[in-house]
Every structure is written in structure tokens, then in C-alpha cells.
């Protein structure tokens, strides 16, 4: 079942919106699918290839959940793309990507600080 705000989800019996979002986005491959769709529509086969050839059953399950949550839509040519809401999520994730890039750089030994 697709996590929805207001319904019980993993980590929240009340279904707080943030917990519902984290449940949805924390599912295997969900963020990767959204990330791969950020530059435009893709067919299922191309999307699967970009996602390291995940199983087609998992791909379609995640696409169903993401579509049900209003983050992904399917166009007339059977390609998947981010909805307007999905694009706003992409914009929200970009700072996390910038942080991850910083985190990936070597740090000073024993300090955990980012080199300047």
C-alpha cells in the first residue's frame, strides 16, 4: 500500500506527513527512480537500465507507489515523468545531493571536518 499522510506508516501510527514521505522515499529504489526522472520522461526499459537493471517487478511496484502518491505521471507515449509535485521534491533533494558531495570529499583525519 502506498504511504499517505494521515494513515499509519512505518515509524508513525498517526501518519504524520513527514513520516509518510520518509516511508515512501525510504523504499528500495524509490529515490533512485525519482532522481533518474529529474531530467525528463523515460520509458520503463530506459529507466530500468539507468537504475542498474533493477528487477522489473520492483520497478513497476515503485512506479505504482510513486504514481499513487502523485510524484510520477505516465504520459501518452507510455513514458514516466515527474509530476509538478515530484519536481518540487527534486528541488528539495538537491541540497541533500550537495551535502552528500561535500561528505564524499576527504576530511581532515580525526576531525570529521570538511577541508577548506
PDB file of N, CA and C in Angstrom:
ATOM      1  N   UNK A   1       0.839  -1.175   0.000  1.00  0.00           N
ATOM      2  CA  UNK A   1       0.000   0.000   0.000  1.00  0.00           C
ATOM      3  C   UNK A   1       0.892   1.250   0.000  1.00  0.00           C
ATOM      4  N   UNK A   2       0.514   2.236  -0.777  1.00  0.00           N
ATOM      5  CA  UNK A   2       1.282   3.469  -0.865  1.00  0.00           C
ATOM      6  C   UNK A   2       1.130   4.282   0.418  1.00  0.00           C
ATOM      7  N   UNK A   3       2.246   4.663   1.046  1.00  0.00           N
ATOM      8  CA  UNK A   3       2.151   5.512   2.244  1.00  0.00           C
ATOM      9  C   UNK A   3       1.467   6.829   1.908  1.00  0.00           C
ATOM     10  N   UNK A   4       0.570   7.254   2.766  1.00  0.00           N
ATOM     11  CA  UNK A   4      -0.150   8.508   2.592  1.00  0.00           C
ATOM     12  C   UNK A   4      -0.215   9.236   3.922  1.00  0.00           C
ATOM     13  N   UNK A   5      -0.081  10.551   3.913  1.00  0.00           N
ATOM     14  CA  UNK A   5      -0.255  11.313   5.151  1.00  0.00           C
ATOM     15  C   UNK A   5      -1.634  11.030   5.757  1.00  0.00           C
ATOM     16  N   UNK A   6      -1.652  10.929   7.086  1.00  0.00           N
ATOM     17  CA  UNK A   6      -2.904  10.686   7.780  1.00  0.00           C
ATOM     18  C   UNK A   6      -3.225   9.226   8.007  1.00  0.00           C
ATOM     19  N   UNK A   7      -2.466   8.334   7.383  1.00  0.00           N
ATOM     20  CA  UNK A   7      -2.635   6.892   7.599  1.00  0.00           C
ATOM     21  C   UNK A   7      -1.407   6.373   8.335  1.00  0.00           C
ATOM     22  N   UNK A   8      -1.575   5.344   9.157  1.00  0.00           N
ATOM     23  CA  UNK A   8      -0.394   4.778   9.820  1.00  0.00           C
ATOM     24  C   UNK A   8       0.649   4.321   8.791  1.00  0.00           C
ATOM     25  N   UNK A   9       1.912   4.627   9.075  1.00  0.00           N
ATOM     26  CA  UNK A   9       3.033   4.238   8.217  1.00  0.00           C
ATOM     27  C   UNK A   9       4.155   3.744   9.124  1.00  0.00           C
ATOM     28  N   UNK A  10       5.203   3.211   8.515  1.00  0.00           N
ATOM     29  CA  UNK A  10       6.359   2.801   9.321  1.00  0.00           C
ATOM     30  C   UNK A  10       6.872   4.000  10.092  1.00  0.00           C
ATOM     31  N   UNK A  11       6.966   3.871  11.392  1.00  0.00           N
ATOM     32  CA  UNK A  11       7.511   4.938  12.219  1.00  0.00           C
ATOM     33  C   UNK A  11       6.491   5.928  12.742  1.00  0.00           C
ATOM     34  N   UNK A  12       5.205   5.791  12.366  1.00  0.00           N
ATOM     35  CA  UNK A  12       4.197   6.742  12.838  1.00  0.00           C
ATOM     36  C   UNK A  12       2.808   6.134  12.752  1.00  0.00           C
ATOM     37  N   UNK A  13       2.182   5.979  13.907  1.00  0.00           N
ATOM     38  CA  UNK A  13       0.809   5.471  13.897  1.00  0.00           C
ATOM     39  C   UNK A  13      -0.173   6.542  13.446  1.00  0.00           C
ATOM     40  N   UNK A  14       0.235   7.814  13.501  1.00  0.00           N
ATOM     41  CA  UNK A  14      -0.645   8.901  13.090  1.00  0.00           C
ATOM     42  C   UNK A  14      -0.499   9.245  11.614  1.00  0.00           C
ATOM     43  N   UNK A  15       0.554   8.781  10.974  1.00  0.00           N
ATOM     44  CA  UNK A  15       0.766   9.097   9.564  1.00  0.00           C
ATOM     45  C   UNK A  15       1.141  10.547   9.337  1.00  0.00           C
ATOM     46  N   UNK A  16       1.949  11.083  10.242  1.00  0.00           N
ATOM     47  CA  UNK A  16       2.419  12.458  10.042  1.00  0.00           C
ATOM     48  C   UNK A  16       2.998  12.581   8.638  1.00  0.00           C
ATOM     49  N   UNK A  17       2.756  13.727   7.980  1.00  0.00           N
ATOM     50  CA  UNK A  17       3.207  13.869   6.588  1.00  0.00           C
ATOM     51  C   UNK A  17       4.685  13.560   6.379  1.00  0.00           C
ATOM     52  N   UNK A  18       5.560  14.031   7.255  1.00  0.00           N
ATOM     53  CA  UNK A  18       6.988  13.754   7.079  1.00  0.00           C
ATOM     54  C   UNK A  18       7.270  12.261   7.196  1.00  0.00           C
ATOM     55  N   UNK A  19       6.630  11.593   8.147  1.00  0.00           N
ATOM     56  CA  UNK A  19       6.865  10.157   8.317  1.00  0.00           C
ATOM     57  C   UNK A  19       6.334   9.376   7.113  1.00  0.00           C
ATOM     58  N   UNK A  20       5.191   9.793   6.567  1.00  0.00           N
ATOM     59  CA  UNK A  20       4.657   9.134   5.373  1.00  0.00           C
ATOM     60  C   UNK A  20       5.612   9.329   4.194  1.00  0.00           C
ATOM     61  N   UNK A  21       6.151  10.544   4.060  1.00  0.00           N
ATOM     62  CA  UNK A  21       7.104  10.816   2.981  1.00  0.00           C
ATOM     63  C   UNK A  21       8.370   9.978   3.152  1.00  0.00           C
ATOM     64  N   UNK A  22       8.879   9.899   4.376  1.00  0.00           N
ATOM     65  CA  UNK A  22      10.087   9.104   4.614  1.00  0.00           C
ATOM     66  C   UNK A  22       9.830   7.624   4.368  1.00  0.00           C
ATOM     67  N   UNK A  23       8.642   7.146   4.703  1.00  0.00           N
ATOM     68  CA  UNK A  23       8.303   5.748   4.427  1.00  0.00           C
ATOM     69  C   UNK A  23       8.310   5.506   2.919  1.00  0.00           C
ATOM     70  N   UNK A  24       7.668   6.379   2.169  1.00  0.00           N
ATOM     71  CA  UNK A  24       7.618   6.223   0.717  1.00  0.00           C
ATOM     72  C   UNK A  24       9.005   6.323   0.093  1.00  0.00           C
ATOM     73  N   UNK A  25       9.731   7.357   0.448  1.00  0.00           N
ATOM     74  CA  UNK A  25      11.036   7.598  -0.168  1.00  0.00           C
ATOM     75  C   UNK A  25      12.110   6.641   0.316  1.00  0.00           C
ATOM     76  N   UNK A  26      11.874   6.022   1.473  1.00  0.00           N
ATOM     77  CA  UNK A  26      12.837   5.069   2.013  1.00  0.00           C
ATOM     78  C   UNK A  26      12.720   3.678   1.417  1.00  0.00           C
ATOM     79  N   UNK A  27      11.722   3.477   0.600  1.00  0.00           N
ATOM     80  CA  UNK A  27      11.575   2.163  -0.034  1.00  0.00           C
ATOM     81  C   UNK A  27      12.657   1.979  -1.090  1.00  0.00           C
ATOM     82  N   UNK A  28      13.134   0.760  -1.176  1.00  0.00           N
ATOM     83  CA  UNK A  28      14.222   0.446  -2.093  1.00  0.00           C
ATOM     84  C   UNK A  28      13.910   0.954  -3.494  1.00  0.00           C
ATOM     85  N   UNK A  29      14.830   1.708  -4.064  1.00  0.00           N
ATOM     86  CA  UNK A  29      14.813   2.230  -5.414  1.00  0.00           C
ATOM     87  C   UNK A  29      13.923   3.452  -5.608  1.00  0.00           C
ATOM     88  N   UNK A  30      13.109   3.849  -4.653  1.00  0.00           N
ATOM     89  CA  UNK A  30      12.185   4.969  -4.866  1.00  0.00           C
ATOM     90  C   UNK A  30      12.931   6.257  -5.191  1.00  0.00           C
ATOM     91  N   UNK A  31      13.899   6.626  -4.368  1.00  0.00           N
ATOM     92  CA  UNK A  31      14.641   7.860  -4.628  1.00  0.00           C
ATOM     93  C   UNK A  31      15.435   7.773  -5.922  1.00  0.00           C
ATOM     94  N   UNK A  32      15.965   6.627  -6.206  1.00  0.00           N
ATOM     95  CA  UNK A  32      16.741   6.470  -7.449  1.00  0.00           C
ATOM     96  C   UNK A  32      15.856   6.706  -8.670  1.00  0.00           C
ATOM     97  N   UNK A  33      14.649   6.175  -8.645  1.00  0.00           N
ATOM     98  CA  UNK A  33      13.720   6.379  -9.756  1.00  0.00           C
ATOM     99  C   UNK A  33      13.432   7.867  -9.915  1.00  0.00           C
ATOM    100  N   UNK A  34      13.127   8.525  -8.814  1.00  0.00           N
ATOM    101  CA  UNK A  34      12.846   9.957  -8.874  1.00  0.00           C
ATOM    102  C   UNK A  34      14.057  10.726  -9.379  1.00  0.00           C
ATOM    103  N   UNK A  35      15.228  10.348  -8.920  1.00  0.00           N
ATOM    104  CA  UNK A  35      16.462  11.022  -9.338  1.00  0.00           C
ATOM    105  C   UNK A  35      16.685  10.858 -10.834  1.00  0.00           C
ATOM    106  N   UNK A  36      16.449   9.675 -11.353  1.00  0.00           N
ATOM    107  CA  UNK A  36      16.670   9.425 -12.781  1.00  0.00           C
ATOM    108  C   UNK A  36      15.645  10.139 -13.654  1.00  0.00           C
ATOM    109  N   UNK A  37      14.485  10.440 -13.120  1.00  0.00           N
ATOM    110  CA  UNK A  37      13.452  11.131 -13.892  1.00  0.00           C
ATOM    111  C   UNK A  37      13.600  12.653 -13.852  1.00  0.00           C
ATOM    112  N   UNK A  38      14.573  13.155 -13.125  1.00  0.00           N
ATOM    113  CA  UNK A  38      14.676  14.603 -12.932  1.00  0.00           C
ATOM    114  C   UNK A  38      14.985  15.365 -14.211  1.00  0.00           C
ATOM    115  N   UNK A  39      15.569  14.705 -15.217  1.00  0.00           N
ATOM    116  CA  UNK A  39      15.917  15.399 -16.459  1.00  0.00           C
ATOM    117  C   UNK A  39      14.884  15.198 -17.561  1.00  0.00           C
ATOM    118  N   UNK A  40      13.820  14.490 -17.266  1.00  0.00           N
ATOM    119  CA  UNK A  40      12.764  14.325 -18.265  1.00  0.00           C
ATOM    120  C   UNK A  40      12.224  12.921 -18.312  1.00  0.00           C
ATOM    121  N   UNK A  41      11.195  12.713 -19.152  1.00  0.00           N
ATOM    122  CA  UNK A  41      10.499  11.433 -19.221  1.00  0.00           C
ATOM    123  C   UNK A  41      11.390  10.299 -19.714  1.00  0.00           C
ATOM    124  N   UNK A  42      11.094   9.119 -19.203  1.00  0.00           N
ATOM    125  CA  UNK A  42      11.786   7.897 -19.626  1.00  0.00           C
ATOM    126  C   UNK A  42      10.776   6.759 -19.715  1.00  0.00           C
ATOM    127  N   UNK A  43      10.990   5.897 -20.681  1.00  0.00           N
ATOM    128  CA  UNK A  43      10.211   4.666 -20.736  1.00  0.00           C
ATOM    129  C   UNK A  43      10.700   3.712 -19.662  1.00  0.00           C
ATOM    130  N   UNK A  44       9.912   2.693 -19.383  1.00  0.00           N
ATOM    131  CA  UNK A  44      10.249   1.746 -18.316  1.00  0.00           C
ATOM    132  C   UNK A  44      11.597   1.062 -18.569  1.00  0.00           C
ATOM    133  N   UNK A  45      11.855   0.676 -19.791  1.00  0.00           N
ATOM    134  CA  UNK A  45      13.110  -0.020 -20.100  1.00  0.00           C
ATOM    135  C   UNK A  45      14.319   0.893 -19.869  1.00  0.00           C
ATOM    136  N   UNK A  46      14.232   2.133 -20.349  1.00  0.00           N
ATOM    137  CA  UNK A  46      15.338   3.081 -20.158  1.00  0.00           C
ATOM    138  C   UNK A  46      15.521   3.389 -18.678  1.00  0.00           C
ATOM    139  N   UNK A  47      14.430   3.533 -17.970  1.00  0.00           N
ATOM    140  CA  UNK A  47      14.509   3.805 -16.536  1.00  0.00           C
ATOM    141  C   UNK A  47      15.145   2.627 -15.807  1.00  0.00           C
ATOM    142  N   UNK A  48      14.762   1.443 -16.160  1.00  0.00           N
ATOM    143  CA  UNK A  48      15.354   0.240 -15.543  1.00  0.00           C
ATOM    144  C   UNK A  48      16.855   0.173 -15.824  1.00  0.00           C
ATOM    145  N   UNK A  49      17.263   0.488 -17.038  1.00  0.00           N
ATOM    146  CA  UNK A  49      18.692   0.485 -17.384  1.00  0.00           C
ATOM    147  C   UNK A  49      19.460   1.513 -16.548  1.00  0.00           C
ATOM    148  N   UNK A  50      18.881   2.685 -16.363  1.00  0.00           N
ATOM    149  CA  UNK A  50      19.546   3.721 -15.566  1.00  0.00           C
ATOM    150  C   UNK A  50      19.604   3.355 -14.085  1.00  0.00           C
ATOM    151  N   UNK A  51      18.737   2.471 -13.675  1.00  0.00           N
ATOM    152  CA  UNK A  51      18.696   2.056 -12.273  1.00  0.00           C
ATOM    153  C   UNK A  51      19.406   0.719 -12.084  1.00  0.00           C
ATOM    154  N   UNK A  52      20.490   0.542 -12.802  1.00  0.00           N
ATOM    155  CA  UNK A  52      21.324  -0.658 -12.664  1.00  0.00           C
ATOM    156  C   UNK A  52      20.542  -1.952 -12.856  1.00  0.00           C
ATOM    157  N   UNK A  53      19.579  -1.889 -13.773  1.00  0.00           N
ATOM    158  CA  UNK A  53      18.793  -3.059 -14.161  1.00  0.00           C
ATOM    159  C   UNK A  53      18.104  -3.727 -12.976  1.00  0.00           C
ATOM    160  N   UNK A  54      17.463  -2.927 -12.164  1.00  0.00           N
ATOM    161  CA  UNK A  54      16.676  -3.483 -11.065  1.00  0.00           C
ATOM    162  C   UNK A  54      15.615  -4.413 -11.635  1.00  0.00           C
ATOM    163  N   UNK A  55      15.071  -5.261 -10.814  1.00  0.00           N
ATOM    164  CA  UNK A  55      14.065  -6.190 -11.325  1.00  0.00           C
ATOM    165  C   UNK A  55      12.849  -5.402 -11.806  1.00  0.00           C
ATOM    166  N   UNK A  56      12.240  -5.891 -12.874  1.00  0.00           N
ATOM    167  CA  UNK A  56      11.089  -5.193 -13.429  1.00  0.00           C
ATOM    168  C   UNK A  56       9.920  -5.192 -12.451  1.00  0.00           C
ATOM    169  N   UNK A  57       9.791  -6.237 -11.643  1.00  0.00           N
ATOM    170  CA  UNK A  57       8.676  -6.257 -10.682  1.00  0.00           C
ATOM    171  C   UNK A  57       8.836  -5.151  -9.639  1.00  0.00           C
ATOM    172  N   UNK A  58      10.058  -4.915  -9.170  1.00  0.00           N
ATOM    173  CA  UNK A  58      10.295  -3.834  -8.207  1.00  0.00           C
ATOM    174  C   UNK A  58      10.088  -2.485  -8.894  1.00  0.00           C
ATOM    175  N   UNK A  59      10.560  -2.345 -10.121  1.00  0.00           N
ATOM    176  CA  UNK A  59      10.379  -1.097 -10.858  1.00  0.00           C
ATOM    177  C   UNK A  59       8.895  -0.749 -10.954  1.00  0.00           C
ATOM    178  N   UNK A  60       8.094  -1.693 -11.392  1.00  0.00           N
ATOM    179  CA  UNK A  60       6.671  -1.400 -11.566  1.00  0.00           C
ATOM    180  C   UNK A  60       5.963  -1.186 -10.235  1.00  0.00           C
ATOM    181  N   UNK A  61       6.399  -1.872  -9.197  1.00  0.00           N
ATOM    182  CA  UNK A  61       5.820  -1.636  -7.869  1.00  0.00           C
ATOM    183  C   UNK A  61       6.119  -0.217  -7.405  1.00  0.00           C
ATOM    184  N   UNK A  62       7.378   0.212  -7.528  1.00  0.00           N
ATOM    185  CA  UNK A  62       7.742   1.567  -7.112  1.00  0.00           C
ATOM    186  C   UNK A  62       7.050   2.613  -7.977  1.00  0.00           C
ATOM    187  N   UNK A  63       6.994   2.387  -9.280  1.00  0.00           N
ATOM    188  CA  UNK A  63       6.306   3.342 -10.150  1.00  0.00           C
ATOM    189  C   UNK A  63       4.830   3.457  -9.778  1.00  0.00           C
ATOM    190  N   UNK A  64       4.222   2.355  -9.427  1.00  0.00           N
ATOM    191  CA  UNK A  64       2.830   2.375  -8.990  1.00  0.00           C
ATOM    192  C   UNK A  64       2.674   3.194  -7.710  1.00  0.00           C
ATOM    193  N   UNK A  65       3.582   2.978  -6.756  1.00  0.00           N
ATOM    194  CA  UNK A  65       3.528   3.727  -5.497  1.00  0.00           C
ATOM    195  C   UNK A  65       3.780   5.215  -5.722  1.00  0.00           C
ATOM    196  N   UNK A  66       4.775   5.527  -6.524  1.00  0.00           N
ATOM    197  CA  UNK A  66       5.121   6.932  -6.774  1.00  0.00           C
ATOM    198  C   UNK A  66       4.034   7.640  -7.580  1.00  0.00           C
ATOM    199  N   UNK A  67       3.387   6.898  -8.477  1.00  0.00           N
ATOM    200  CA  UNK A  67       2.252   7.451  -9.219  1.00  0.00           C
ATOM    201  C   UNK A  67       1.072   7.662  -8.272  1.00  0.00           C
ATOM    202  N   UNK A  68       0.815   6.674  -7.420  1.00  0.00           N
ATOM    203  CA  UNK A  68      -0.271   6.789  -6.449  1.00  0.00           C
ATOM    204  C   UNK A  68      -0.072   7.940  -5.476  1.00  0.00           C
ATOM    205  N   UNK A  69       1.178   8.260  -5.199  1.00  0.00           N
ATOM    206  CA  UNK A  69       1.499   9.359  -4.287  1.00  0.00           C
ATOM    207  C   UNK A  69       1.500  10.709  -5.010  1.00  0.00           C
ATOM    208  N   UNK A  70       1.312  10.683  -6.329  1.00  0.00           N
ATOM    209  CA  UNK A  70       1.256  11.936  -7.083  1.00  0.00           C
ATOM    210  C   UNK A  70       2.601  12.515  -7.462  1.00  0.00           C
ATOM    211  N   UNK A  71       3.667  11.712  -7.348  1.00  0.00           N
ATOM    212  CA  UNK A  71       5.010  12.213  -7.662  1.00  0.00           C
ATOM    213  C   UNK A  71       5.431  11.929  -9.093  1.00  0.00           C
ATOM    214  N   UNK A  72       4.840  10.906  -9.700  1.00  0.00           N
ATOM    215  CA  UNK A  72       5.180  10.483 -11.058  1.00  0.00           C
ATOM    216  C   UNK A  72       3.883  10.366 -11.852  1.00  0.00           C
ATOM    217  N   UNK A  73       3.952  10.718 -13.127  1.00  0.00           N
ATOM    218  CA  UNK A  73       2.827  10.532 -14.042  1.00  0.00           C
ATOM    219  C   UNK A  73       3.324   9.784 -15.270  1.00  0.00           C
ATOM    220  N   UNK A  74       2.387   9.175 -15.965  1.00  0.00           N
ATOM    221  CA  UNK A  74       2.709   8.467 -17.209  1.00  0.00           C
ATOM    222  C   UNK A  74       2.096   9.262 -18.350  1.00  0.00           C
ATOM    223  N   UNK A  75       2.906   9.560 -19.368  1.00  0.00           N
ATOM    224  CA  UNK A  75       2.402  10.378 -20.468  1.00  0.00           C
ATOM    225  C   UNK A  75       1.752   9.520 -21.556  1.00  0.00           C
ATOM    226  N   UNK A  76       1.304  10.157 -22.609  1.00  0.00           N
ATOM    227  CA  UNK A  76       0.597   9.465 -23.690  1.00  0.00           C
ATOM    228  C   UNK A  76       1.457   8.454 -24.437  1.00  0.00           C
ATOM    229  N   UNK A  77       2.768   8.607 -24.342  1.00  0.00           N
ATOM    230  CA  UNK A  77       3.670   7.698 -25.057  1.00  0.00           C
ATOM    231  C   UNK A  77       4.210   6.609 -24.142  1.00  0.00           C
ATOM    232  N   UNK A  78       3.550   6.411 -22.989  1.00  0.00           N
ATOM    233  CA  UNK A  78       3.927   5.351 -22.043  1.00  0.00           C
ATOM    234  C   UNK A  78       5.264   5.618 -21.351  1.00  0.00           C
ATOM    235  N   UNK A  79       5.659   6.882 -21.300  1.00  0.00           N
ATOM    236  CA  UNK A  79       6.878   7.227 -20.572  1.00  0.00           C
ATOM    237  C   UNK A  79       6.486   7.804 -19.218  1.00  0.00           C
ATOM    238  N   UNK A  80       7.386   7.652 -18.269  1.00  0.00           N
ATOM    239  CA  UNK A  80       7.164   8.160 -16.920  1.00  0.00           C
ATOM    240  C   UNK A  80       7.922   9.463 -16.752  1.00  0.00           C
ATOM    241  N   UNK A  81       7.306  10.380 -16.015  1.00  0.00           N
ATOM    242  CA  UNK A  81       7.970  11.644 -15.732  1.00  0.00           C
ATOM    243  C   UNK A  81       7.497  12.157 -14.380  1.00  0.00           C
ATOM    244  N   UNK A  82       8.266  13.098 -13.846  1.00  0.00           N
ATOM    245  CA  UNK A  82       7.890  13.698 -12.583  1.00  0.00           C
ATOM    246  C   UNK A  82       6.669  14.591 -12.783  1.00  0.00           C
ATOM    247  N   UNK A  83       5.760  14.540 -11.836  1.00  0.00           N
ATOM    248  CA  UNK A  83       4.640  15.474 -11.822  1.00  0.00           C
ATOM    249  C   UNK A  83       5.157  16.818 -11.311  1.00  0.00           C
ATOM    250  N   UNK A  84       4.309  17.816 -11.297  1.00  0.00           N
ATOM    251  CA  UNK A  84       4.712  19.102 -10.722  1.00  0.00           C
ATOM    252  C   UNK A  84       5.143  18.911  -9.269  1.00  0.00           C
ATOM    253  N   UNK A  85       4.383  18.113  -8.530  1.00  0.00           N
ATOM    254  CA  UNK A  85       4.733  17.831  -7.136  1.00  0.00           C
ATOM    255  C   UNK A  85       6.066  17.081  -7.052  1.00  0.00           C
ATOM    256  N   UNK A  86       6.287  16.140  -7.961  1.00  0.00           N
ATOM    257  CA  UNK A  86       7.545  15.406  -7.997  1.00  0.00           C
ATOM    258  C   UNK A  86       8.737  16.303  -8.271  1.00  0.00           C
ATOM    259  N   UNK A  87       8.533  17.311  -9.136  1.00  0.00           N
ATOM    260  CA  UNK A  87       9.619  18.255  -9.414  1.00  0.00           C
ATOM    261  C   UNK A  87       9.945  19.092  -8.180  1.00  0.00           C
ATOM    262  N   UNK A  88       8.937  19.435  -7.385  1.00  0.00           N
ATOM    263  CA  UNK A  88       9.241  20.192  -6.165  1.00  0.00           C
ATOM    264  C   UNK A  88      10.026  19.334  -5.189  1.00  0.00           C
ATOM    265  N   UNK A  89       9.759  18.036  -5.171  1.00  0.00           N
ATOM    266  CA  UNK A  89      10.560  17.137  -4.329  1.00  0.00           C
ATOM    267  C   UNK A  89      11.994  17.110  -4.834  1.00  0.00           C
ATOM    268  N   UNK A  90      12.171  17.079  -6.153  1.00  0.00           N
ATOM    269  CA  UNK A  90      13.517  17.107  -6.720  1.00  0.00           C
ATOM    270  C   UNK A  90      14.288  18.328  -6.266  1.00  0.00           C
ATOM    271  N   UNK A  91      13.615  19.468  -6.258  1.00  0.00           N
ATOM    272  CA  UNK A  91      14.266  20.697  -5.797  1.00  0.00           C
ATOM    273  C   UNK A  91      14.622  20.596  -4.316  1.00  0.00           C
ATOM    274  N   UNK A  92      13.801  19.904  -3.546  1.00  0.00           N
ATOM    275  CA  UNK A  92      14.076  19.742  -2.115  1.00  0.00           C
ATOM    276  C   UNK A  92      15.246  18.790  -1.873  1.00  0.00           C
ATOM    277  N   UNK A  93      15.462  17.850  -2.777  1.00  0.00           N
ATOM    278  CA  UNK A  93      16.535  16.858  -2.619  1.00  0.00           C
ATOM    279  C   UNK A  93      17.889  17.404  -3.065  1.00  0.00           C
ATOM    280  N   UNK A  94      17.904  18.405  -3.933  1.00  0.00           N
ATOM    281  CA  UNK A  94      19.169  18.937  -4.441  1.00  0.00           C
ATOM    282  C   UNK A  94      20.122  19.387  -3.326  1.00  0.00           C
ATOM    283  N   UNK A  95      19.649  20.061  -2.265  1.00  0.00           N
ATOM    284  CA  UNK A  95      20.580  20.396  -1.177  1.00  0.00           C
ATOM    285  C   UNK A  95      21.167  19.157  -0.503  1.00  0.00           C
ATOM    286  N   UNK A  96      20.399  18.093  -0.427  1.00  0.00           N
ATOM    287  CA  UNK A  96      20.922  16.851   0.139  1.00  0.00           C
ATOM    288  C   UNK A  96      22.024  16.293  -0.766  1.00  0.00           C
ATOM    289  N   UNK A  97      21.840  16.392  -2.073  1.00  0.00           N
ATOM    290  CA  UNK A  97      22.880  15.957  -3.002  1.00  0.00           C
ATOM    291  C   UNK A  97      24.142  16.795  -2.822  1.00  0.00           C
ATOM    292  N   UNK A  98      23.984  18.113  -2.673  1.00  0.00           N
ATOM    293  CA  UNK A  98      25.150  18.983  -2.455  1.00  0.00           C
ATOM    294  C   UNK A  98      25.859  18.592  -1.159  1.00  0.00           C
ATOM    295  N   UNK A  99      25.088  18.315  -0.114  1.00  0.00           N
ATOM    296  CA  UNK A  99      25.683  17.881   1.148  1.00  0.00           C
ATOM    297  C   UNK A  99      26.428  16.569   0.957  1.00  0.00           C
ATOM    298  N   UNK A 100      25.833  15.631   0.223  1.00  0.00           N
ATOM    299  CA  UNK A 100      26.475  14.326   0.002  1.00  0.00           C
ATOM    300  C   UNK A 100      27.785  14.481  -0.761  1.00  0.00           C
ATOM    301  N   UNK A 101      27.828  15.424  -1.710  1.00  0.00           N
ATOM    302  CA  UNK A 101      29.069  15.674  -2.442  1.00  0.00           C
ATOM    303  C   UNK A 101      30.154  16.188  -1.494  1.00  0.00           C
ATOM    304  N   UNK A 102      29.780  17.050  -0.581  1.00  0.00           N
ATOM    305  CA  UNK A 102      30.731  17.549   0.419  1.00  0.00           C
ATOM    306  C   UNK A 102      31.183  16.413   1.329  1.00  0.00           C
ATOM    307  N   UNK A 103      30.240  15.616   1.759  1.00  0.00           N
ATOM    308  CA  UNK A 103      30.520  14.487   2.645  1.00  0.00           C
ATOM    309  C   UNK A 103      31.468  13.493   1.987  1.00  0.00           C
ATOM    310  N   UNK A 104      31.365  13.354   0.677  1.00  0.00           N
ATOM    311  CA  UNK A 104      32.185  12.388  -0.052  1.00  0.00           C
ATOM    312  C   UNK A 104      33.636  12.826  -0.195  1.00  0.00           C
ATOM    313  N   UNK A 105      33.904  14.116  -0.018  1.00  0.00           N
ATOM    314  CA  UNK A 105      35.288  14.592  -0.115  1.00  0.00           C
ATOM    315  C   UNK A 105      36.064  14.140   1.116  1.00  0.00           C
ATOM    316  N   UNK A 106      37.358  13.946   0.957  1.00  0.00           N
ATOM    317  CA  UNK A 106      38.171  13.551   2.119  1.00  0.00           C
ATOM    318  C   UNK A 106      38.096  14.595   3.232  1.00  0.00           C
ATOM    319  N   UNK A 107      38.086  14.121   4.452  1.00  0.00           N
ATOM    320  CA  UNK A 107      38.068  15.030   5.615  1.00  0.00           C
ATOM    321  C   UNK A 107      39.423  15.019   6.283  1.00  0.00           C
ATOM    322  N   UNK A 108      39.641  15.993   7.130  1.00  0.00           N
ATOM    323  CA  UNK A 108      40.879  16.009   7.911  1.00  0.00           C
ATOM    324  C   UNK A 108      40.837  14.830   8.861  1.00  0.00           C
ATOM    325  N   UNK A 109      41.935  14.074   8.978  1.00  0.00           N
ATOM    326  CA  UNK A 109      41.938  12.892   9.828  1.00  0.00           C
ATOM    327  C   UNK A 109      41.522  13.218  11.267  1.00  0.00           C
ATOM    328  N   UNK A 110      40.561  12.420  11.754  1.00  0.00           N
ATOM    329  CA  UNK A 110      40.147  12.530  13.152  1.00  0.00           C
ATOM    330  C   UNK A 110      39.266  13.714  13.487  1.00  0.00           C
ATOM    331  N   UNK A 111      38.990  14.593  12.530  1.00  0.00           N
ATOM    332  CA  UNK A 111      38.195  15.773  12.876  1.00  0.00           C
ATOM    333  C   UNK A 111      36.788  15.713  12.324  1.00  0.00           C
ATOM    334  N   UNK A 112      36.603  14.992  11.236  1.00  0.00           N
ATOM    335  CA  UNK A 112      35.304  14.973  10.599  1.00  0.00           C
ATOM    336  C   UNK A 112      34.963  16.294   9.945  1.00  0.00           C
ATOM    337  N   UNK A 113      35.939  17.216   9.900  1.00  0.00           N
ATOM    338  CA  UNK A 113      35.642  18.493   9.274  1.00  0.00           C
ATOM    339  C   UNK A 113      36.002  18.474   7.793  1.00  0.00           C
ATOM    340  N   UNK A 114      35.282  19.299   7.085  1.00  0.00           N
ATOM    341  CA  UNK A 114      35.476  19.403   5.641  1.00  0.00           C
ATOM    342  C   UNK A 114      36.685  20.271   5.382  1.00  0.00           C
ATOM    343  N   UNK A 115      37.577  19.861   4.481  1.00  0.00           N
ATOM    344  CA  UNK A 115      38.739  20.684   4.167  1.00  0.00           C
ATOM    345  C   UNK A 115      38.300  21.992   3.517  1.00  0.00           C
ATOM    346  N   UNK A 116      39.066  23.044   3.753  1.00  0.00           N
ATOM    347  CA  UNK A 116      38.747  24.341   3.153  1.00  0.00           C
ATOM    348  C   UNK A 116      39.718  24.688   2.069  1.00  0.00           C
TER     349      UNK A 116
END
